[in-house]
Amino acid sequence: MGGRDVIALIAGEGRLPALLARAAKAAGHRVVAITVEGDGGELAGLADESYRAGFGEFQRMIDILAGSGVRRVIFAGRVSRARLVGEGDPAFRARVAAAGDRGDQTLFQQIAVDLLARAGITVVSPLTFVAHLRVEEGVLTRSAPTDDEAQDARTGLDLARRIAALDVGQTVVLRRGAVLAVEAAEGTDETIRRGGAMAPGVVVAKAARPRQDDRFDLPAVGLQTLETMAAVRARVLAVEAGATLLLDREECLAVADRSGIAIVGLRP
């Protein structure tokens, strides 16, 4: 087959799957992509093999992976939490129905990882290939937070870690200490729109779970995040340093600088 071995990507929406495919190809791997949400067009153009599967169709995924000689798989990209209800093949639905905890990370660990492990397939972290995308500590942009905004950023990061620990979401929007929006199933961008509609100059904070499994649902921000913030005249994006991925860094920093947005990495 060529390359060192075959890497599979089970991909949702967003830029991360394509960035991972490029990195894996650059490292000499053959890439098999299974798109479960989004059009997957860019990823299909990069992968050696490209397939589609419905959300939770794990037997189909396992058949594809086994047929392609895959032993390592990476999950990446956004998938709507609402799809956990009523979708998937019989094995997946039975596991969801039996799960006492319906949080994203618990379901991932107890269902996806277990079903794949039974087929001899190991789930690995996206950080295997894109560790360099993690945000460092400090201000990344020309703009820096004011003292009040810096306080909101610290408060927001603490709150974001608390809701992430409950598997509710990863993002909080606030202004002068008042929480305007908390992420749930709607996703980061809708949370920013909802909070930003209440007041200009908001601070957006995004964090990892305190016990984050880095194989799944790593916090990530990208160009769409910054464009959404610019549209609502948000002022600061505070993310957990060392745990959050910044995708398309140069483009994000350019949008932030044009829009007067400060991006800052904070340690919890």
Protein backbone atom coordinates (compact mmCIF):
# COMPACT_ATOMS: atom_id res chain seq x y z
CA MET A 1 0.00 0.00 0.00
CA GLY A 2 2.94 2.32 0.42
CA GLY A 3 3.61 4.73 3.24
CA ARG A 4 4.21 3.72 6.82
CA ASP A 5 0.67 2.52 7.51
CA VAL A 6 -2.94 3.42 6.85
CA ILE A 7 -4.57 6.18 8.90
CA ALA A 8 -8.35 6.60 8.83
CA LEU A 9 -10.25 9.80 9.53
CA ILE A 10 -13.86 9.68 10.70
CA ALA A 11 -14.78 13.22 9.84
CA GLY A 12 -17.41 15.75 10.78
CA GLU A 13 -17.65 19.35 9.63
CA GLY A 14 -14.97 22.01 9.76
CA ARG A 15 -11.37 22.40 8.67
CA LEU A 16 -9.66 20.01 11.08
CA PRO A 17 -10.22 16.79 9.08
CA ALA A 18 -8.57 18.25 5.97
CA LEU A 19 -5.66 19.65 7.99
CA LEU A 20 -5.17 16.23 9.56
CA ALA A 21 -5.27 14.51 6.18
CA ARG A 22 -2.56 16.85 4.85
CA ALA A 23 -0.39 16.24 7.91
CA ALA A 24 -0.81 12.46 7.74
CA LYS A 25 -0.01 12.42 4.02
CA ALA A 26 3.06 14.58 4.63
CA ALA A 27 4.21 12.02 7.21
CA GLY A 28 3.99 9.29 4.58
CA HIS A 29 0.72 7.64 5.51
CA ARG A 30 -2.06 6.42 3.30
CA VAL A 31 -5.33 8.13 4.31
CA VAL A 32 -8.81 6.62 4.33
CA ALA A 33 -11.61 9.12 5.01
CA ILE A 34 -15.15 8.38 6.17
CA THR A 35 -17.31 11.52 6.24
CA VAL A 36 -20.26 11.41 8.64
CA GLU A 37 -21.28 15.08 8.58
CA GLY A 38 -20.64 17.91 6.13
CA ASP A 39 -19.94 17.66 2.40
CA GLY A 40 -16.41 16.25 2.86
CA GLY A 41 -15.36 17.70 -0.49
CA GLU A 42 -11.93 19.00 0.49
CA LEU A 43 -11.17 15.87 2.48
CA ALA A 44 -12.20 13.61 -0.40
CA GLY A 45 -9.70 15.40 -2.63
CA LEU A 46 -6.88 14.68 -0.19
CA ALA A 47 -7.65 11.11 0.88
CA ASP A 48 -6.50 7.99 -0.94
CA GLU A 49 -9.91 6.45 -0.31
CA SER A 50 -13.07 8.37 0.54
CA TYR A 51 -16.43 7.10 1.81
CA ARG A 52 -19.61 8.37 3.42
CA ALA A 53 -21.43 6.80 6.36
CA GLY A 54 -24.41 7.83 8.41
CA PHE A 55 -23.88 9.02 11.95
CA GLY A 56 -23.53 5.99 14.22
CA GLU A 57 -23.31 3.45 11.37
CA PHE A 58 -20.44 1.77 13.12
CA GLN A 59 -20.74 -1.63 11.47
CA ARG A 60 -20.45 0.02 8.05
CA MET A 61 -17.46 2.03 9.27
CA ILE A 62 -15.79 -1.08 10.68
CA ASP A 63 -16.34 -2.96 7.41
CA ILE A 64 -14.74 -0.10 5.44
CA LEU A 65 -11.80 0.20 7.83
CA ALA A 66 -11.15 -3.53 7.93
CA GLY A 67 -11.35 -3.77 4.15
CA SER A 68 -8.80 -0.98 3.79
CA GLY A 69 -6.33 -2.50 6.28
CA VAL A 70 -6.83 0.28 8.84
CA ARG A 71 -5.58 -0.27 12.39
CA ARG A 72 -5.53 3.36 13.59
CA VAL A 73 -8.36 5.87 13.31
CA ILE A 74 -8.79 9.53 14.23
CA PHE A 75 -12.08 11.30 14.96
CA ALA A 76 -12.12 14.96 13.93
CA GLY A 77 -14.62 17.68 13.07
CA ARG A 78 -17.97 18.84 14.36
CA VAL A 79 -20.92 16.49 14.67
CA SER A 80 -24.28 17.69 15.97
CA ARG A 81 -25.04 16.36 19.42
CA ALA A 82 -28.71 16.24 18.46
CA ARG A 83 -27.88 13.29 16.19
CA LEU A 84 -27.22 11.11 19.22
CA VAL A 85 -30.99 10.76 19.50
CA GLY A 86 -32.51 8.16 17.20
CA GLU A 87 -29.69 7.77 14.65
CA GLY A 88 -27.15 5.04 14.04
CA ASP A 89 -27.19 1.31 13.38
CA PRO A 90 -28.78 -1.18 15.82
CA ALA A 91 -25.53 -1.81 17.72
CA PHE A 92 -24.96 1.91 18.21
CA ARG A 93 -28.54 2.64 19.26
CA ALA A 94 -28.53 -0.25 21.72
CA ARG A 95 -25.32 1.07 23.31
CA VAL A 96 -26.73 4.60 23.56
CA ALA A 97 -29.95 3.30 25.11
CA ALA A 98 -27.98 1.33 27.71
CA ALA A 99 -25.61 4.18 28.59
CA GLY A 100 -26.30 5.75 31.97
CA ASP A 101 -24.36 8.90 31.01
CA ARG A 102 -25.23 10.50 27.67
CA GLY A 103 -22.34 12.99 27.74
CA ASP A 104 -20.25 13.24 24.56
CA GLN A 105 -17.03 11.98 26.06
CA THR A 106 -18.61 9.09 27.95
CA LEU A 107 -20.51 7.92 24.88
CA PHE A 108 -17.36 8.18 22.80
CA GLN A 109 -15.30 6.17 25.25
CA GLN A 110 -17.93 3.55 26.00
CA ILE A 111 -19.31 3.12 22.49
CA ALA A 112 -17.06 4.26 19.65
CA VAL A 113 -13.75 3.26 21.20
CA ASP A 114 -15.12 -0.08 22.42
CA LEU A 115 -16.80 -1.05 19.14
CA LEU A 116 -13.66 -0.25 17.17
CA ALA A 117 -11.39 -2.01 19.67
CA ARG A 118 -13.43 -5.19 19.25
CA ALA A 119 -12.48 -5.03 15.57
CA GLY A 120 -8.80 -4.54 16.38
CA ILE A 121 -8.83 -0.82 15.54
CA THR A 122 -7.27 1.76 17.87
CA VAL A 123 -8.53 5.33 18.20
CA VAL A 124 -5.65 7.82 18.38
CA SER A 125 -5.51 11.53 19.13
CA PRO A 126 -5.45 14.20 16.43
CA LEU A 127 -2.44 15.54 18.34
CA THR A 128 -0.47 12.69 16.79
CA PHE A 129 -0.30 14.88 13.68
CA VAL A 130 -1.36 18.43 14.64
CA ALA A 131 0.14 19.08 18.07
CA HIS A 132 1.73 22.20 16.55
CA LEU A 133 -1.75 23.79 16.26
CA ARG A 134 -2.15 24.10 20.03
CA VAL A 135 -2.44 27.70 21.24
CA GLU A 136 0.45 28.95 23.36
CA GLU A 137 0.06 31.10 26.46
CA GLY A 138 -0.12 34.87 25.93
CA VAL A 139 -1.59 37.41 23.50
CA LEU A 140 -1.42 36.30 19.85
CA THR A 141 -2.78 39.45 18.18
CA ARG A 142 -1.89 43.12 17.85
CA SER A 143 -4.83 43.98 20.12
CA ALA A 144 -4.64 43.00 23.78
CA PRO A 145 -7.50 42.76 26.30
CA THR A 146 -8.15 45.71 28.60
CA ASP A 147 -7.99 45.05 32.34
CA ASP A 148 -11.77 44.54 32.47
CA GLU A 149 -11.69 42.24 29.45
CA ALA A 150 -8.81 40.28 30.93
CA GLN A 151 -10.89 39.72 34.06
CA ASP A 152 -13.82 38.55 31.91
CA ALA A 153 -11.45 36.23 30.05
CA ARG A 154 -10.24 34.59 33.26
CA THR A 155 -13.78 34.30 34.61
CA GLY A 156 -15.04 32.95 31.30
CA LEU A 157 -12.32 30.33 31.05
CA ASP A 158 -13.11 29.08 34.54
CA LEU A 159 -16.83 28.88 33.71
CA ALA A 160 -16.12 27.19 30.37
CA ARG A 161 -14.07 24.51 32.12
CA ARG A 162 -16.93 23.92 34.55
CA ILE A 163 -19.56 23.43 31.84
CA ALA A 164 -17.11 21.30 29.85
CA ALA A 165 -16.65 19.08 32.91
CA LEU A 166 -20.42 18.50 32.84
CA ASP A 167 -20.27 17.67 29.10
CA VAL A 168 -22.64 20.57 28.38
CA GLY A 169 -20.41 22.59 26.04
CA GLN A 170 -17.04 24.34 25.90
CA THR A 171 -17.84 28.00 25.28
CA VAL A 172 -19.11 30.92 27.37
CA VAL A 173 -19.88 34.48 26.19
CA LEU A 174 -19.81 37.27 28.75
CA ARG A 175 -19.54 41.04 29.19
CA ARG A 176 -18.43 42.84 32.35
CA GLY A 177 -18.88 39.72 34.43
CA ALA A 178 -22.40 38.97 33.17
CA VAL A 179 -22.78 35.61 31.38
CA LEU A 180 -24.76 36.16 28.17
CA ALA A 181 -24.61 32.72 26.57
CA VAL A 182 -23.46 29.20 27.42
CA GLU A 183 -22.86 26.60 24.73
CA ALA A 184 -25.00 23.48 24.58
CA ALA A 185 -26.00 21.42 21.52
CA GLU A 186 -26.11 24.43 19.15
CA GLY A 187 -22.31 24.73 18.87
CA THR A 188 -19.78 27.52 19.30
CA ASP A 189 -20.79 29.82 16.46
CA GLU A 190 -24.48 29.94 17.42
CA THR A 191 -23.47 30.56 21.04
CA ILE A 192 -21.35 33.52 19.95
CA ARG A 193 -24.20 34.91 17.83
CA ARG A 194 -26.68 34.53 20.67
CA GLY A 195 -24.44 36.17 23.27
CA GLY A 196 -23.08 38.81 20.91
CA ALA A 197 -26.59 39.92 19.96
CA MET A 198 -27.13 41.11 23.55
CA ALA A 199 -24.22 43.55 23.71
CA PRO A 200 -21.24 44.67 21.63
CA GLY A 201 -17.74 44.05 22.90
CA VAL A 202 -18.28 40.59 24.39
CA VAL A 203 -15.58 38.20 25.53
CA VAL A 204 -15.72 34.62 24.23
CA ALA A 205 -14.01 31.93 26.30
CA LYS A 206 -13.43 28.34 25.19
CA ALA A 207 -11.87 25.57 27.26
CA ALA A 208 -11.23 21.84 27.45
CA ARG A 209 -12.72 19.47 29.97
CA PRO A 210 -10.61 19.21 33.14
CA ARG A 211 -10.10 15.52 32.27
CA GLN A 212 -10.17 15.89 28.51
CA ASP A 213 -9.70 12.73 26.45
CA ASP A 214 -7.56 14.19 23.69
CA ARG A 215 -8.73 11.55 21.23
CA PHE A 216 -12.10 13.24 20.95
CA ASP A 217 -13.72 16.67 20.76
CA LEU A 218 -10.62 18.75 21.40
CA PRO A 219 -11.61 22.43 21.63
CA ALA A 220 -10.75 24.17 18.38
CA VAL A 221 -11.25 27.64 16.93
CA GLY A 222 -10.79 28.73 13.35
CA LEU A 223 -11.66 31.21 10.65
CA GLN A 224 -15.41 30.72 11.04
CA THR A 225 -15.11 31.44 14.77
CA LEU A 226 -13.30 34.73 14.11
CA GLU A 227 -15.69 35.77 11.34
CA THR A 228 -18.66 35.10 13.61
CA MET A 229 -17.04 37.16 16.37
CA ALA A 230 -16.31 40.01 13.95
CA ALA A 231 -19.96 40.01 12.82
CA VAL A 232 -21.21 40.59 16.39
CA ARG A 233 -18.38 43.03 17.24
CA ALA A 234 -16.89 40.75 19.89
CA ARG A 235 -13.67 41.98 21.48
CA VAL A 236 -11.76 39.03 22.94
CA LEU A 237 -11.32 35.33 22.25
CA ALA A 238 -9.81 33.61 25.28
CA VAL A 239 -8.87 29.96 24.89
CA GLU A 240 -7.20 27.41 27.11
CA ALA A 241 -3.49 27.42 26.25
CA GLY A 242 -1.97 24.03 25.51
CA ALA A 243 -5.39 22.42 25.04
CA THR A 244 -7.12 24.40 22.25
CA LEU A 245 -6.29 24.12 18.55
CA LEU A 246 -6.09 27.23 16.36
CA LEU A 247 -6.80 26.26 12.76
CA ASP A 248 -5.58 28.31 9.79
CA ARG A 249 -3.58 30.50 12.15
CA GLU A 250 -2.39 33.18 9.73
CA GLU A 251 -5.88 33.78 8.32
CA CYS A 252 -7.41 33.87 11.81
CA LEU A 253 -4.87 36.38 13.08
CA ALA A 254 -5.42 38.55 10.00
CA VAL A 255 -9.20 38.63 10.57
CA ALA A 256 -8.69 39.32 14.28
CA ASP A 257 -6.28 42.20 13.63
CA ARG A 258 -8.60 43.75 11.01
CA SER A 259 -11.54 43.49 13.39
CA GLY A 260 -9.80 44.66 16.56
CA ILE A 261 -10.22 41.28 18.25
CA ALA A 262 -7.70 40.12 20.83
CA ILE A 263 -6.86 36.41 20.92
CA VAL A 264 -5.27 35.23 24.13
CA GLY A 265 -4.17 31.84 25.44
CA LEU A 266 -4.68 31.36 29.17
CA ARG A 267 -3.66 28.60 31.55
CA PRO A 268 -6.47 27.46 33.85
